[in-house]
Amino acid sequence: MTSFKTTQLINPLIRAISEAGYSKPTEIQAKAIPVILSGKDILAMAPVGSGTASAFVLPLLQLLKKNAPEHRKIRSLIVAPNFQAVSKVERIFKHCDKYSSVSVQAIHEHNRNKNSTVLRERADVLIISADMLPMTNQGALVELSKVEILIFYKTNELLSITAKDKLKNLFRLIPQNTQKLFFGNDAQEDIRKLSVNFQKMPVEINVEVEVGKLEDIIQSVCFVETRDKTELLFSLYNEITIGSFVIFTDTKYGANKLLKDLKTNGISSAVILSDVPRSERSSILEDFEKRLIKVLITTDIASRDFKINGNYNVVHYELPVISQSYVSRIEKMQKRGKSGNSYLFCTADEHDGLKKIEKLIGYSIDK
């Protein structure tokens, strides 16, 4: 059986993760940790829930512990797509950093006074969300001239929500010999371009997605023009009288626009996004389960933080950027022991994405 000892981690780190309840590494951890410790760049793809964050947190702690520089500047920068991802990485550091002296700071909100205070403190590692990247521009608060390791966490999501110029600007502010680690879910073309432009002979690691049988779910593809999506959704809503709908969009803007269209047409609906307060979210979910709200609109990122009871239908209003997201949306329904239908809206320029999804699940979806 593979153990953390085979990953070349030092005993204090192994002790910390053992006390946190982890006895053996996941596949991505077993493959990535030794490579990171060797100082090489990495382009790693692994499904959600495979332990990706720990795969870079553990070796990062070991590398930073090796040499304690005299300067007080940031030694490692971790860029995550949103508040939830930043918080997750921060929690993992707390679990793993029990027996080391590496200092970690996180910034994920627009509070300049608070962030100024944070950045005046000694920090080996800075975890920052994508929307805070302007703070790393010239003349801002963050000094990156001594960064030894740069990590992009959930790179697919980063590239989908962040202006490319913001990411590229980071590479102008860090030393050329900085070790660069890119972790994502799917090695799409934009990630490979980023790797080609900014990484040095990266080691590629791929962990295959395990797709179970999507039982009890009737799946359909609906070919539609973008301008006709809302009308198609209204038709589905009127035809399917039993059950409610959970609709996935790619962006907050798209979710809010769709919510407005639904309410204008008299359909009881609500939206749950990442910035919705927990109390409001609980109230919305309770009303949805009671069928007081018939349509719930959300995104892949926001939906990770809540569970839904009761039968409902899934509408992929926009074809997911990451193929695994299609599976995750349906599996989430199945894990609750519920059933429903899945409707995938596909425009003319999304056929390649549809083929990727069908390749992932191993069969063609009914057209």
Protein backbone atom coordinates (compact mmCIF):
# COMPACT_ATOMS: atom_id res chain seq x y z
CA MET A 1 0.00 0.00 0.00
CA THR A 2 1.30 3.46 -0.91
CA SER A 3 2.08 5.63 2.10
CA PHE A 4 3.16 9.25 2.50
CA LYS A 5 6.68 8.00 3.27
CA THR A 6 7.10 7.12 -0.40
CA THR A 7 6.47 10.75 -1.39
CA GLN A 8 9.76 11.95 0.22
CA LEU A 9 7.96 14.12 2.76
CA ILE A 10 9.77 14.76 6.05
CA ASN A 11 8.51 13.15 9.27
CA PRO A 12 6.99 16.28 10.87
CA LEU A 13 4.69 16.72 7.86
CA ILE A 14 3.76 13.04 7.79
CA ARG A 15 2.99 13.24 11.49
CA ALA A 16 0.78 16.31 10.99
CA ILE A 17 -1.28 14.78 8.20
CA SER A 18 -1.56 11.48 10.08
CA GLU A 19 -2.99 13.33 13.07
CA ALA A 20 -5.41 15.05 10.68
CA GLY A 21 -6.71 11.59 9.73
CA TYR A 22 -4.94 10.90 6.41
CA SER A 23 -3.16 7.54 6.18
CA LYS A 24 -2.17 7.37 2.51
CA PRO A 25 -1.83 9.80 -0.41
CA THR A 26 -4.33 10.10 -3.22
CA GLU A 27 -3.14 9.48 -6.77
CA ILE A 28 -2.49 13.16 -7.51
CA GLN A 29 -0.59 13.54 -4.21
CA ALA A 30 1.56 10.46 -4.81
CA LYS A 31 2.47 11.66 -8.29
CA ALA A 32 2.86 15.41 -7.70
CA ILE A 33 4.63 15.69 -4.33
CA PRO A 34 7.99 14.11 -5.37
CA VAL A 35 8.07 16.19 -8.57
CA ILE A 36 7.43 19.44 -6.70
CA LEU A 37 10.11 18.57 -4.16
CA SER A 38 12.57 18.10 -7.05
CA GLY A 39 12.01 21.74 -8.04
CA LYS A 40 10.37 21.09 -11.41
CA ASP A 41 7.39 22.88 -12.92
CA ILE A 42 4.12 20.93 -13.03
CA LEU A 43 1.06 20.89 -15.26
CA ALA A 44 -1.32 18.66 -13.30
CA MET A 45 -4.91 17.71 -14.11
CA ALA A 46 -7.10 15.90 -11.59
CA PRO A 47 -10.84 15.71 -10.88
CA VAL A 48 -12.55 17.66 -8.11
CA GLY A 49 -12.22 15.95 -4.74
CA SER A 50 -8.94 14.18 -5.50
CA GLY A 51 -6.85 16.06 -2.93
CA THR A 52 -5.20 18.53 -5.28
CA ALA A 53 -4.68 21.29 -2.71
CA SER A 54 -2.79 19.00 -0.32
CA ALA A 55 -0.70 17.84 -3.28
CA PHE A 56 0.99 21.25 -3.40
CA VAL A 57 0.58 22.46 0.21
CA LEU A 58 2.63 19.58 1.67
CA PRO A 59 5.72 19.86 -0.56
CA LEU A 60 5.50 23.67 -0.42
CA LEU A 61 5.82 23.57 3.37
CA GLN A 62 8.85 21.31 3.09
CA LEU A 63 10.59 23.43 0.46
CA LEU A 64 10.04 26.68 2.36
CA LYS A 65 11.22 25.11 5.61
CA LYS A 66 14.56 24.17 4.04
CA ASN A 67 15.95 27.66 3.77
CA ALA A 68 14.95 30.61 5.93
CA PRO A 69 15.97 33.78 4.06
CA GLU A 70 16.87 37.04 5.75
CA HIS A 71 14.30 39.04 3.78
CA ARG A 72 10.68 39.37 4.90
CA LYS A 73 9.07 39.25 1.47
CA ILE A 74 6.60 36.71 0.08
CA ARG A 75 8.25 33.45 -0.96
CA SER A 76 5.24 31.69 -2.47
CA LEU A 77 2.10 33.04 -4.12
CA ILE A 78 -1.01 30.88 -4.52
CA VAL A 79 -3.72 32.24 -6.83
CA ALA A 80 -7.20 30.71 -6.48
CA PRO A 81 -10.38 31.57 -8.39
CA ASN A 82 -12.61 32.64 -5.50
CA PHE A 83 -13.20 33.05 -1.77
CA GLN A 84 -14.15 29.39 -1.26
CA ALA A 85 -10.98 28.10 -2.89
CA VAL A 86 -8.79 30.50 -0.90
CA SER A 87 -10.46 29.43 2.34
CA LYS A 88 -10.01 25.76 1.48
CA VAL A 89 -6.28 26.14 0.86
CA GLU A 90 -5.95 28.18 4.05
CA ARG A 91 -7.66 25.39 6.06
CA ILE A 92 -5.34 22.75 4.61
CA PHE A 93 -2.31 24.81 5.63
CA LYS A 94 -3.63 24.89 9.19
CA HIS A 95 -3.93 21.08 9.20
CA CYS A 96 -0.51 20.44 7.67
CA ASP A 97 1.53 23.26 9.21
CA LYS A 98 1.27 21.97 12.77
CA TYR A 99 4.98 21.29 13.23
CA SER A 100 6.59 23.91 11.00
CA SER A 101 7.18 27.63 11.26
CA VAL A 102 5.98 28.68 7.81
CA SER A 103 3.76 31.77 7.98
CA VAL A 104 0.66 31.95 5.79
CA GLN A 105 -1.63 34.88 4.98
CA ALA A 106 -4.80 34.93 2.87
CA ILE A 107 -6.53 37.78 1.06
CA HIS A 108 -9.95 37.28 -0.48
CA GLU A 109 -11.97 40.41 0.13
CA HIS A 110 -11.80 44.07 -0.90
CA ASN A 111 -10.87 45.58 2.46
CA ARG A 112 -7.81 47.70 1.79
CA ASN A 113 -7.18 48.62 5.43
CA LYS A 114 -7.44 45.01 6.57
CA ASN A 115 -5.32 43.77 3.67
CA SER A 116 -2.68 46.42 4.33
CA THR A 117 -2.41 45.15 7.90
CA VAL A 118 -2.14 41.55 6.71
CA LEU A 119 0.61 42.36 4.25
CA ARG A 120 2.68 44.25 6.81
CA GLU A 121 3.00 41.00 8.72
CA ARG A 122 5.70 38.45 7.92
CA ALA A 123 4.37 35.99 5.35
CA ASP A 124 6.14 33.13 3.59
CA VAL A 125 2.97 32.22 1.68
CA LEU A 126 0.26 34.51 0.33
CA ILE A 127 -3.02 33.00 -0.88
CA ILE A 128 -5.01 35.42 -3.01
CA SER A 129 -8.28 35.21 -4.93
CA ALA A 130 -8.43 36.11 -8.62
CA ASP A 131 -10.46 39.27 -8.12
CA MET A 132 -7.72 40.63 -5.85
CA LEU A 133 -5.03 40.32 -8.51
CA PRO A 134 -4.98 44.09 -9.21
CA MET A 135 -3.33 44.37 -5.80
CA THR A 136 -0.27 42.73 -7.29
CA ASN A 137 0.18 45.34 -10.00
CA GLN A 138 2.97 47.91 -9.91
CA GLY A 139 2.56 50.37 -7.10
CA ALA A 140 0.19 48.11 -5.17
CA LEU A 141 0.64 46.43 -1.81
CA VAL A 142 2.24 43.11 -2.76
CA GLU A 143 5.97 42.72 -3.35
CA LEU A 144 6.69 39.69 -5.56
CA SER A 145 10.37 40.09 -6.36
CA LYS A 146 11.38 37.21 -4.07
CA VAL A 147 8.70 34.69 -5.00
CA GLU A 148 10.22 31.21 -5.27
CA ILE A 149 7.06 29.22 -6.07
CA LEU A 150 3.94 30.34 -7.94
CA ILE A 151 0.84 28.12 -7.82
CA PHE A 152 -2.32 28.42 -9.89
CA TYR A 153 -5.06 26.45 -8.12
CA LYS A 154 -8.13 25.44 -10.14
CA THR A 155 -6.53 26.89 -13.26
CA ASN A 156 -9.55 26.15 -15.48
CA GLU A 157 -11.72 28.36 -13.32
CA LEU A 158 -9.02 31.00 -13.07
CA LEU A 159 -8.78 31.31 -16.83
CA SER A 160 -12.56 31.40 -17.25
CA ILE A 161 -13.13 34.30 -14.84
CA THR A 162 -9.89 36.28 -14.95
CA ALA A 163 -8.62 38.60 -17.66
CA LYS A 164 -5.60 36.99 -19.27
CA ASP A 165 -3.59 40.21 -18.89
CA LYS A 166 -3.91 40.03 -15.10
CA LEU A 167 -2.43 36.55 -15.03
CA LYS A 168 0.29 37.37 -17.54
CA ASN A 169 1.25 40.43 -15.50
CA LEU A 170 2.17 38.18 -12.58
CA PHE A 171 4.93 36.59 -14.62
CA ARG A 172 6.47 40.02 -15.20
CA LEU A 173 6.60 40.67 -11.46
CA ILE A 174 8.19 37.41 -10.29
CA PRO A 175 11.74 36.13 -10.89
CA GLN A 176 12.29 34.11 -14.08
CA ASN A 177 13.52 31.09 -12.13
CA THR A 178 10.35 30.86 -10.03
CA GLN A 179 8.96 27.31 -9.87
CA LYS A 180 5.51 27.35 -11.47
CA LEU A 181 2.81 24.82 -10.57
CA PHE A 182 -0.49 24.73 -12.50
CA PHE A 183 -3.28 22.54 -11.14
CA GLY A 184 -6.59 22.15 -12.97
CA ASN A 185 -9.35 19.74 -13.95
CA ASP A 186 -8.96 19.56 -17.71
CA ALA A 187 -5.95 20.30 -19.92
CA GLN A 188 -7.79 22.63 -22.27
CA GLU A 189 -6.11 24.64 -24.99
CA ASP A 190 -5.88 27.87 -22.97
CA ILE A 191 -4.12 26.08 -20.10
CA ARG A 192 -1.63 24.51 -22.48
CA LYS A 193 -0.93 27.91 -24.04
CA LEU A 194 -0.28 29.34 -20.59
CA SER A 195 2.06 26.45 -19.85
CA VAL A 196 3.96 26.79 -23.13
CA ASN A 197 4.46 30.52 -22.59
CA PHE A 198 5.44 30.56 -18.94
CA GLN A 199 6.57 27.14 -17.70
CA LYS A 200 9.95 25.50 -18.21
CA MET A 201 9.71 21.87 -19.33
CA PRO A 202 6.81 21.07 -16.98
CA VAL A 203 6.11 17.53 -15.85
CA GLU A 204 2.59 16.62 -16.95
CA ILE A 205 0.43 14.66 -14.53
CA ASN A 206 -3.04 13.41 -15.40
CA VAL A 207 -5.42 11.65 -13.04
CA GLU A 208 -8.34 10.08 -14.86
CA VAL A 209 -11.88 10.92 -13.86
CA GLU A 210 -13.83 7.95 -12.54
CA VAL A 211 -17.36 8.19 -13.86
CA GLY A 212 -20.00 6.01 -12.27
CA LYS A 213 -23.24 5.01 -13.92
CA LEU A 214 -25.62 7.94 -14.05
CA GLU A 215 -28.55 5.73 -13.06
CA ASP A 216 -32.18 6.84 -13.02
CA ILE A 217 -31.33 10.01 -14.90
CA ILE A 218 -32.83 10.54 -18.35
CA GLN A 219 -30.30 12.66 -20.23
CA SER A 220 -31.09 14.71 -23.31
CA VAL A 221 -29.29 17.18 -25.54
CA CYS A 222 -31.28 20.15 -26.79
CA PHE A 223 -29.68 21.87 -29.79
CA VAL A 224 -30.58 25.53 -29.66
CA GLU A 225 -29.43 28.97 -30.75
CA THR A 226 -28.25 31.23 -27.94
CA ARG A 227 -31.09 33.70 -28.54
CA ASP A 228 -33.67 30.91 -28.18
CA LYS A 229 -32.45 29.38 -24.91
CA THR A 230 -34.86 31.24 -22.65
CA GLU A 231 -37.84 30.31 -24.83
CA LEU A 232 -36.75 26.66 -24.79
CA LEU A 233 -36.48 26.78 -21.01
CA PHE A 234 -40.03 28.15 -20.75
CA SER A 235 -41.25 25.27 -22.94
CA LEU A 236 -39.57 22.68 -20.72
CA TYR A 237 -40.99 24.31 -17.63
CA ASN A 238 -44.51 24.19 -19.02
CA GLU A 239 -44.22 20.62 -20.34
CA ILE A 240 -42.74 19.05 -17.20
CA THR A 241 -45.29 19.63 -14.46
CA ILE A 242 -43.78 17.31 -11.86
CA GLY A 243 -40.60 18.37 -10.12
CA SER A 244 -38.55 21.53 -9.91
CA PHE A 245 -35.55 22.75 -11.88
CA VAL A 246 -31.94 23.46 -10.93
CA ILE A 247 -30.38 25.51 -13.71
CA PHE A 248 -26.63 25.87 -14.11
CA THR A 249 -25.10 28.93 -15.77
CA ASP A 250 -21.43 29.78 -16.25
CA THR A 251 -21.46 33.26 -14.73
CA LYS A 252 -23.15 35.43 -12.10
CA TYR A 253 -24.22 37.82 -14.85
CA GLY A 254 -25.92 35.02 -16.77
CA ALA A 255 -27.62 33.74 -13.62
CA ASN A 256 -29.01 37.15 -12.67
CA LYS A 257 -30.16 37.88 -16.22
CA LEU A 258 -32.00 34.56 -16.40
CA LEU A 259 -33.58 35.19 -12.98
CA LYS A 260 -34.96 38.48 -14.25
CA ASP A 261 -36.41 36.81 -17.37
CA LEU A 262 -38.06 34.06 -15.32
CA LYS A 263 -39.63 36.44 -12.83
CA THR A 264 -40.86 38.66 -15.65
CA ASN A 265 -42.74 35.63 -16.96
CA GLY A 266 -44.27 34.85 -13.57
CA ILE A 267 -42.11 31.84 -12.71
CA SER A 268 -41.22 31.53 -9.01
CA SER A 269 -37.43 31.43 -9.05
CA ALA A 270 -34.33 32.32 -7.06
CA VAL A 271 -30.59 32.39 -7.49
CA ILE A 272 -27.80 31.12 -5.23
CA LEU A 273 -24.35 32.48 -6.01
CA SER A 274 -21.11 32.47 -4.04
CA ASP A 275 -21.83 35.84 -2.46
CA VAL A 276 -25.31 34.94 -1.15
CA PRO A 277 -25.27 34.98 2.70
CA ARG A 278 -25.66 31.60 4.38
CA SER A 279 -28.93 32.55 6.09
CA GLU A 280 -30.47 33.67 2.81
CA ARG A 281 -29.19 30.54 1.08
CA SER A 282 -30.82 28.30 3.70
CA SER A 283 -34.11 30.12 3.30
CA ILE A 284 -34.02 29.75 -0.50
CA LEU A 285 -33.23 26.02 -0.28
CA GLU A 286 -36.04 25.46 2.20
CA ASP A 287 -38.54 27.20 -0.11
CA PHE A 288 -37.21 25.24 -3.09
CA GLU A 289 -37.67 21.91 -1.30
CA LYS A 290 -41.21 22.95 -0.35
CA ARG A 291 -41.86 23.81 -4.03
CA LEU A 292 -42.53 27.45 -3.14
CA ILE A 293 -39.66 28.17 -5.52
CA LYS A 294 -39.86 26.12 -8.71
CA VAL A 295 -36.61 27.16 -10.37
CA LEU A 296 -33.22 27.52 -8.67
CA ILE A 297 -30.38 29.08 -10.67
CA THR A 298 -26.76 28.57 -9.62
CA THR A 299 -23.20 27.99 -10.84
CA ASP A 300 -20.82 25.07 -10.38
CA ILE A 301 -18.77 27.02 -7.86
CA ALA A 302 -21.72 28.13 -5.74
CA SER A 303 -23.45 24.72 -5.80
CA ARG A 304 -20.55 23.04 -4.01
CA ASP A 305 -21.66 24.64 -0.76
CA PHE A 306 -25.21 23.32 -0.54
CA LYS A 307 -27.31 20.15 -0.83
CA ILE A 308 -30.85 19.79 -2.12
CA ASN A 309 -33.50 17.34 -0.94
CA GLY A 310 -36.34 16.24 -3.20
CA ASN A 311 -36.61 15.35 -6.87
CA TYR A 312 -35.59 17.92 -9.41
CA ASN A 313 -34.50 18.27 -13.03
CA VAL A 314 -31.13 19.63 -14.05
CA VAL A 315 -30.81 22.10 -16.90
CA HIS A 316 -27.32 22.82 -18.20
CA TYR A 317 -28.28 26.23 -19.58
CA GLU A 318 -24.73 26.68 -20.79
CA LEU A 319 -22.54 23.75 -21.75
CA PRO A 320 -19.97 23.44 -18.93
CA VAL A 321 -16.43 24.59 -19.67
CA ILE A 322 -15.08 21.61 -17.73
CA SER A 323 -16.53 18.30 -18.91
CA GLN A 324 -16.44 16.81 -15.42
CA SER A 325 -18.86 19.50 -14.24
CA TYR A 326 -21.61 17.84 -16.30
CA VAL A 327 -21.09 14.60 -14.38
CA SER A 328 -20.76 16.35 -11.00
CA ARG A 329 -24.10 18.12 -11.45
CA ILE A 330 -25.93 14.86 -12.08
CA GLU A 331 -24.00 12.83 -9.49
CA LYS A 332 -24.92 15.44 -6.90
CA MET A 333 -28.55 14.61 -7.59
CA GLN A 334 -27.92 10.86 -7.35
CA LYS A 335 -25.94 11.04 -4.12
CA ARG A 336 -29.03 12.43 -2.43
CA GLY A 337 -30.94 9.34 -3.55
CA LYS A 338 -33.11 11.37 -5.89
CA SER A 339 -34.01 11.14 -9.55
CA GLY A 340 -34.86 13.52 -12.33
CA ASN A 341 -34.06 14.44 -15.89
CA SER A 342 -31.03 16.21 -17.32
CA TYR A 343 -31.30 18.65 -20.22
CA LEU A 344 -28.13 19.91 -21.86
CA PHE A 345 -28.50 23.06 -23.99
CA CYS A 346 -25.97 23.00 -26.82
CA THR A 347 -25.36 25.75 -29.39
CA ALA A 348 -23.75 25.29 -32.80
CA ASP A 349 -20.29 26.33 -31.58
CA GLU A 350 -20.38 23.96 -28.59
CA HIS A 351 -20.42 20.62 -30.43
CA ASP A 352 -16.77 19.95 -29.60
CA GLY A 353 -17.56 20.41 -25.92
CA LEU A 354 -20.46 17.98 -26.25
CA LYS A 355 -18.14 15.38 -27.78
CA LYS A 356 -15.78 15.76 -24.79
CA ILE A 357 -18.62 15.14 -22.37
CA GLU A 358 -19.77 12.06 -24.27
CA LYS A 359 -16.21 10.76 -24.38
CA LEU A 360 -15.95 11.22 -20.63
CA ILE A 361 -19.19 9.39 -19.78
CA GLY A 362 -18.60 6.72 -22.44
CA TYR A 363 -21.80 7.00 -24.48
CA SER A 364 -23.83 9.36 -26.64
CA ILE A 365 -26.50 11.44 -24.98
CA ASP A 366 -29.98 11.22 -26.54
CA LYS A 367 -30.55 13.96 -29.06
